[in-house]
């Protein structure tokens, strides 16, 4: 294709392109892209919460083993357990939300 033909084709396309076509395209494509992106986002956040719970659980186990030597370790154990419960609950709720969004996508 010659440069002159490409310029002529671009001018022709620019004449016939309008905001209404762009709006219709956006209304059709964006929801189909955003829903799967939200599913992946919620799954990634859920995974992150689970990963954050692992070190706290390991620290809680370590504090539990040292409970006989250090009676003040019970406060650390309580904090670790609370943190692990919160992180795991956030992770589970994030995966549930991702599953709910994914089931809405596959209704068609």
N, C-alpha and C. Protein backbone atom coordinates (compact mmCIF):
# COMPACT_ATOMS: atom_id res chain seq x y z
N UNK A 1 0.85 -1.17 0.00
CA UNK A 1 0.00 0.00 0.00
C UNK A 1 0.90 1.23 0.00
N UNK A 2 0.57 2.15 -0.84
CA UNK A 2 1.34 3.38 -0.92
C UNK A 2 0.93 4.33 0.20
N UNK A 3 1.82 5.25 0.51
CA UNK A 3 1.56 6.22 1.56
C UNK A 3 0.34 7.07 1.22
N UNK A 4 0.21 7.41 -0.04
CA UNK A 4 -0.91 8.24 -0.45
C UNK A 4 -2.24 7.51 -0.23
N UNK A 5 -2.27 6.21 -0.51
CA UNK A 5 -3.48 5.42 -0.28
C UNK A 5 -3.80 5.31 1.21
N UNK A 6 -2.76 5.16 2.02
CA UNK A 6 -2.97 5.06 3.47
C UNK A 6 -3.53 6.36 4.03
N UNK A 7 -3.03 7.50 3.54
CA UNK A 7 -3.53 8.80 4.00
C UNK A 7 -4.98 8.97 3.57
N UNK A 8 -5.30 8.59 2.36
CA UNK A 8 -6.67 8.70 1.86
C UNK A 8 -7.60 7.81 2.68
N UNK A 9 -7.15 6.59 3.01
CA UNK A 9 -7.96 5.68 3.82
C UNK A 9 -8.16 6.24 5.23
N UNK A 10 -7.14 6.84 5.80
CA UNK A 10 -7.25 7.42 7.14
C UNK A 10 -8.22 8.59 7.14
N UNK A 11 -8.17 9.41 6.13
CA UNK A 11 -9.09 10.55 6.04
C UNK A 11 -10.53 10.06 5.90
N UNK A 12 -10.72 9.01 5.10
CA UNK A 12 -12.06 8.45 4.92
C UNK A 12 -12.58 7.88 6.24
N UNK A 13 -11.72 7.18 6.98
CA UNK A 13 -12.13 6.60 8.27
C UNK A 13 -12.43 7.68 9.28
N UNK A 14 -11.66 8.76 9.25
CA UNK A 14 -11.88 9.85 10.20
C UNK A 14 -13.20 10.56 9.93
N UNK A 15 -13.60 10.64 8.67
CA UNK A 15 -14.87 11.27 8.34
C UNK A 15 -16.05 10.49 8.90
N UNK A 16 -15.95 9.18 8.83
CA UNK A 16 -17.08 8.34 9.21
C UNK A 16 -17.04 7.88 10.67
N UNK A 17 -15.98 8.18 11.37
CA UNK A 17 -15.92 7.84 12.79
C UNK A 17 -16.56 8.96 13.58
N UNK A 18 -17.36 8.59 14.57
CA UNK A 18 -17.96 9.62 15.40
C UNK A 18 -18.00 9.13 16.85
N UNK A 19 -18.40 10.02 17.72
CA UNK A 19 -18.40 9.71 19.15
C UNK A 19 -19.43 8.65 19.49
N UNK A 20 -20.50 8.58 18.71
CA UNK A 20 -21.54 7.60 19.01
C UNK A 20 -21.02 6.18 18.81
N UNK A 21 -20.26 5.96 17.75
CA UNK A 21 -19.67 4.63 17.52
C UNK A 21 -18.68 4.28 18.62
N UNK A 22 -17.89 5.26 19.03
CA UNK A 22 -16.92 5.02 20.11
C UNK A 22 -17.65 4.69 21.41
N UNK A 23 -18.73 5.38 21.69
CA UNK A 23 -19.49 5.13 22.91
C UNK A 23 -20.12 3.74 22.89
N UNK A 24 -20.67 3.34 21.75
CA UNK A 24 -21.26 2.00 21.64
C UNK A 24 -20.19 0.92 21.81
N UNK A 25 -19.03 1.14 21.20
CA UNK A 25 -17.93 0.19 21.34
C UNK A 25 -17.50 0.08 22.80
N UNK A 26 -17.36 1.23 23.47
CA UNK A 26 -16.94 1.24 24.87
C UNK A 26 -17.98 0.56 25.75
N UNK A 27 -19.25 0.84 25.53
CA UNK A 27 -20.30 0.20 26.33
C UNK A 27 -20.36 -1.30 26.11
N UNK A 28 -19.93 -1.75 24.97
CA UNK A 28 -19.95 -3.19 24.69
C UNK A 28 -18.71 -3.90 25.21
N UNK A 29 -17.55 -3.28 25.09
CA UNK A 29 -16.29 -3.96 25.39
C UNK A 29 -15.88 -3.82 26.86
N UNK A 30 -16.03 -2.63 27.42
CA UNK A 30 -15.51 -2.38 28.77
C UNK A 30 -16.11 -3.32 29.82
N UNK A 31 -17.42 -3.55 29.87
CA UNK A 31 -17.93 -4.48 30.88
C UNK A 31 -17.38 -5.89 30.72
N UNK A 32 -17.15 -6.30 29.49
CA UNK A 32 -16.64 -7.65 29.27
C UNK A 32 -15.18 -7.79 29.67
N UNK A 33 -14.46 -6.69 29.74
CA UNK A 33 -13.07 -6.71 30.17
C UNK A 33 -12.96 -6.49 31.67
N UNK A 34 -13.82 -5.65 32.22
CA UNK A 34 -13.73 -5.29 33.63
C UNK A 34 -14.14 -6.44 34.56
N UNK A 35 -15.13 -7.20 34.18
CA UNK A 35 -15.57 -8.29 35.07
C UNK A 35 -14.47 -9.32 35.30
N UNK A 36 -13.84 -9.85 34.26
CA UNK A 36 -12.74 -10.79 34.52
C UNK A 36 -11.57 -10.14 35.26
N UNK A 37 -11.34 -8.85 34.99
CA UNK A 37 -10.27 -8.16 35.71
C UNK A 37 -10.60 -8.06 37.19
N UNK A 38 -11.86 -7.84 37.53
CA UNK A 38 -12.26 -7.79 38.94
C UNK A 38 -12.12 -9.16 39.59
N UNK A 39 -12.39 -10.23 38.86
CA UNK A 39 -12.23 -11.58 39.40
C UNK A 39 -10.76 -11.82 39.73
N UNK A 40 -9.89 -11.50 38.79
CA UNK A 40 -8.45 -11.71 39.01
C UNK A 40 -7.96 -10.83 40.16
N UNK A 41 -8.44 -9.59 40.23
CA UNK A 41 -8.05 -8.68 41.31
C UNK A 41 -8.45 -9.26 42.67
N UNK A 42 -9.68 -9.73 42.79
CA UNK A 42 -10.13 -10.28 44.08
C UNK A 42 -9.37 -11.56 44.43
N UNK A 43 -9.04 -12.37 43.46
CA UNK A 43 -8.25 -13.57 43.74
C UNK A 43 -6.84 -13.21 44.18
N UNK A 44 -6.25 -12.20 43.56
CA UNK A 44 -4.90 -11.78 43.94
C UNK A 44 -4.90 -11.19 45.35
N UNK A 45 -5.90 -10.41 45.68
CA UNK A 45 -5.99 -9.84 47.02
C UNK A 45 -6.21 -10.94 48.05
N UNK A 46 -7.05 -11.92 47.74
CA UNK A 46 -7.26 -13.05 48.65
C UNK A 46 -5.98 -13.82 48.89
N UNK A 47 -5.22 -14.05 47.83
CA UNK A 47 -3.94 -14.73 47.97
C UNK A 47 -2.99 -13.93 48.84
N UNK A 48 -2.98 -12.61 48.65
CA UNK A 48 -2.12 -11.74 49.46
C UNK A 48 -2.48 -11.83 50.94
N UNK A 49 -3.76 -11.85 51.25
CA UNK A 49 -4.18 -11.98 52.65
C UNK A 49 -3.72 -13.32 53.24
N UNK A 50 -3.83 -14.39 52.46
CA UNK A 50 -3.36 -15.69 52.95
C UNK A 50 -1.85 -15.69 53.18
N UNK A 51 -1.13 -15.05 52.28
CA UNK A 51 0.33 -14.97 52.43
C UNK A 51 0.69 -14.16 53.67
N UNK A 52 -0.05 -13.10 53.95
CA UNK A 52 0.22 -12.30 55.14
C UNK A 52 -0.09 -13.07 56.43
N UNK A 53 -1.01 -14.01 56.36
CA UNK A 53 -1.37 -14.78 57.56
C UNK A 53 -0.31 -15.82 57.91
N UNK A 54 0.47 -16.27 56.95
CA UNK A 54 1.45 -17.34 57.19
C UNK A 54 2.52 -16.94 58.20
N UNK A 55 3.20 -15.79 58.04
CA UNK A 55 4.23 -15.44 59.03
C UNK A 55 3.67 -15.23 60.43
N UNK A 56 2.46 -14.68 60.51
CA UNK A 56 1.84 -14.48 61.82
C UNK A 56 1.53 -15.82 62.48
N UNK A 57 1.09 -16.79 61.69
CA UNK A 57 0.83 -18.12 62.24
C UNK A 57 2.13 -18.77 62.71
N UNK A 58 3.18 -18.62 61.93
CA UNK A 58 4.47 -19.21 62.34
C UNK A 58 5.00 -18.54 63.61
N UNK A 59 4.82 -17.23 63.71
CA UNK A 59 5.25 -16.52 64.92
C UNK A 59 4.41 -16.95 66.12
N UNK A 60 3.13 -17.17 65.93
CA UNK A 60 2.27 -17.66 67.01
C UNK A 60 2.71 -19.03 67.49
N UNK A 61 3.09 -19.90 66.56
CA UNK A 61 3.59 -21.23 66.94
C UNK A 61 4.89 -21.11 67.71
N UNK A 62 5.76 -20.23 67.24
CA UNK A 62 7.02 -20.02 67.94
C UNK A 62 6.78 -19.49 69.36
N UNK A 63 5.87 -18.55 69.52
CA UNK A 63 5.56 -18.01 70.85
C UNK A 63 4.91 -19.06 71.73
N UNK A 64 4.09 -19.92 71.16
CA UNK A 64 3.46 -20.98 71.93
C UNK A 64 4.50 -21.96 72.49
N UNK A 65 5.50 -22.26 71.67
CA UNK A 65 6.57 -23.17 72.13
C UNK A 65 7.41 -22.55 73.24
N UNK A 66 7.53 -21.21 73.25
CA UNK A 66 8.32 -20.55 74.28
C UNK A 66 7.47 -20.08 75.45
N UNK A 67 6.24 -20.54 75.54
CA UNK A 67 5.32 -20.10 76.59
C UNK A 67 5.79 -20.52 77.98
N UNK A 68 6.43 -21.68 78.10
CA UNK A 68 6.91 -22.15 79.40
C UNK A 68 8.03 -21.25 79.92
N UNK A 69 8.89 -20.79 79.02
CA UNK A 69 10.01 -19.94 79.43
C UNK A 69 9.60 -18.48 79.64
N UNK A 70 8.66 -18.02 78.85
CA UNK A 70 8.28 -16.61 78.87
C UNK A 70 6.77 -16.49 79.06
N UNK A 71 6.31 -16.17 80.28
CA UNK A 71 4.85 -16.08 80.49
C UNK A 71 4.21 -14.90 79.77
N UNK A 72 5.00 -13.92 79.36
CA UNK A 72 4.45 -12.77 78.64
C UNK A 72 4.15 -13.09 77.17
N UNK A 73 4.49 -14.27 76.75
CA UNK A 73 4.28 -14.66 75.35
C UNK A 73 2.80 -14.87 75.04
N UNK A 74 1.96 -15.00 76.06
CA UNK A 74 0.54 -15.23 75.81
C UNK A 74 -0.10 -14.03 75.10
N UNK A 75 0.36 -12.81 75.39
CA UNK A 75 -0.16 -11.64 74.69
C UNK A 75 0.21 -11.70 73.20
N UNK A 76 1.44 -12.09 72.92
CA UNK A 76 1.87 -12.22 71.53
C UNK A 76 1.10 -13.31 70.79
N UNK A 77 0.79 -14.37 71.51
CA UNK A 77 0.00 -15.46 70.90
C UNK A 77 -1.40 -14.95 70.57
N UNK A 78 -1.98 -14.20 71.49
CA UNK A 78 -3.33 -13.66 71.25
C UNK A 78 -3.34 -12.72 70.05
N UNK A 79 -2.34 -11.85 69.99
CA UNK A 79 -2.26 -10.92 68.85
C UNK A 79 -2.07 -11.69 67.55
N UNK A 80 -1.23 -12.72 67.56
CA UNK A 80 -1.00 -13.52 66.36
C UNK A 80 -2.27 -14.23 65.91
N UNK A 81 -2.98 -14.79 66.87
CA UNK A 81 -4.22 -15.51 66.53
C UNK A 81 -5.25 -14.54 65.94
N UNK A 82 -5.39 -13.37 66.55
CA UNK A 82 -6.34 -12.39 66.04
C UNK A 82 -5.96 -11.96 64.61
N UNK A 83 -4.68 -11.71 64.40
CA UNK A 83 -4.22 -11.30 63.07
C UNK A 83 -4.46 -12.40 62.04
N UNK A 84 -4.15 -13.63 62.41
CA UNK A 84 -4.35 -14.75 61.46
C UNK A 84 -5.83 -14.91 61.14
N UNK A 85 -6.68 -14.81 62.14
CA UNK A 85 -8.12 -14.97 61.90
C UNK A 85 -8.64 -13.86 60.98
N UNK A 86 -8.20 -12.63 61.22
CA UNK A 86 -8.64 -11.52 60.38
C UNK A 86 -8.14 -11.69 58.94
N UNK A 87 -6.87 -12.03 58.77
CA UNK A 87 -6.31 -12.17 57.42
C UNK A 87 -6.97 -13.33 56.67
N UNK A 88 -7.18 -14.45 57.34
CA UNK A 88 -7.81 -15.60 56.67
C UNK A 88 -9.26 -15.27 56.32
N UNK A 89 -9.97 -14.58 57.21
CA UNK A 89 -11.36 -14.23 56.89
C UNK A 89 -11.42 -13.26 55.71
N UNK A 90 -10.50 -12.29 55.65
CA UNK A 90 -10.45 -11.40 54.50
C UNK A 90 -10.13 -12.18 53.22
N UNK A 91 -9.20 -13.13 53.31
CA UNK A 91 -8.85 -13.93 52.14
C UNK A 91 -10.01 -14.76 51.65
N UNK A 92 -10.70 -15.41 52.58
CA UNK A 92 -11.85 -16.24 52.19
C UNK A 92 -12.95 -15.38 51.59
N UNK A 93 -13.23 -14.23 52.20
CA UNK A 93 -14.29 -13.36 51.66
C UNK A 93 -13.91 -12.82 50.29
N UNK A 94 -12.63 -12.58 50.06
CA UNK A 94 -12.20 -12.10 48.76
C UNK A 94 -12.36 -13.18 47.69
N UNK A 95 -12.04 -14.42 48.03
CA UNK A 95 -12.25 -15.51 47.07
C UNK A 95 -13.73 -15.76 46.82
N UNK A 96 -14.56 -15.61 47.85
CA UNK A 96 -16.01 -15.77 47.66
C UNK A 96 -16.54 -14.68 46.74
N UNK A 97 -16.07 -13.45 46.95
CA UNK A 97 -16.50 -12.34 46.09
C UNK A 97 -16.06 -12.58 44.65
N UNK A 98 -14.84 -13.08 44.45
CA UNK A 98 -14.37 -13.37 43.10
C UNK A 98 -15.22 -14.45 42.45
N UNK A 99 -15.62 -15.44 43.22
CA UNK A 99 -16.45 -16.51 42.68
C UNK A 99 -17.84 -15.99 42.30
N UNK A 100 -18.37 -15.10 43.14
CA UNK A 100 -19.68 -14.51 42.86
C UNK A 100 -19.62 -13.66 41.59
N UNK A 101 -18.56 -12.89 41.42
CA UNK A 101 -18.41 -12.07 40.21
C UNK A 101 -18.24 -12.96 38.98
N UNK A 102 -17.47 -14.04 39.13
CA UNK A 102 -17.25 -14.96 38.01
C UNK A 102 -18.54 -15.65 37.60
N UNK A 103 -19.40 -15.96 38.56
CA UNK A 103 -20.65 -16.62 38.20
C UNK A 103 -21.58 -15.67 37.46
N UNK A 104 -21.48 -14.37 37.73
CA UNK A 104 -22.27 -13.39 36.97
C UNK A 104 -21.77 -13.29 35.55
N UNK A 105 -20.48 -13.47 35.33
CA UNK A 105 -19.90 -13.38 33.99
C UNK A 105 -20.38 -14.53 33.13
N UNK A 106 -20.50 -15.71 33.70
CA UNK A 106 -20.81 -16.90 32.92
C UNK A 106 -22.30 -17.17 32.77
N UNK A 107 -23.14 -16.20 33.02
CA UNK A 107 -24.58 -16.41 32.91
C UNK A 107 -25.09 -16.46 31.46
N UNK A 108 -24.35 -15.96 30.54
CA UNK A 108 -24.83 -15.81 29.17
C UNK A 108 -25.12 -17.11 28.53
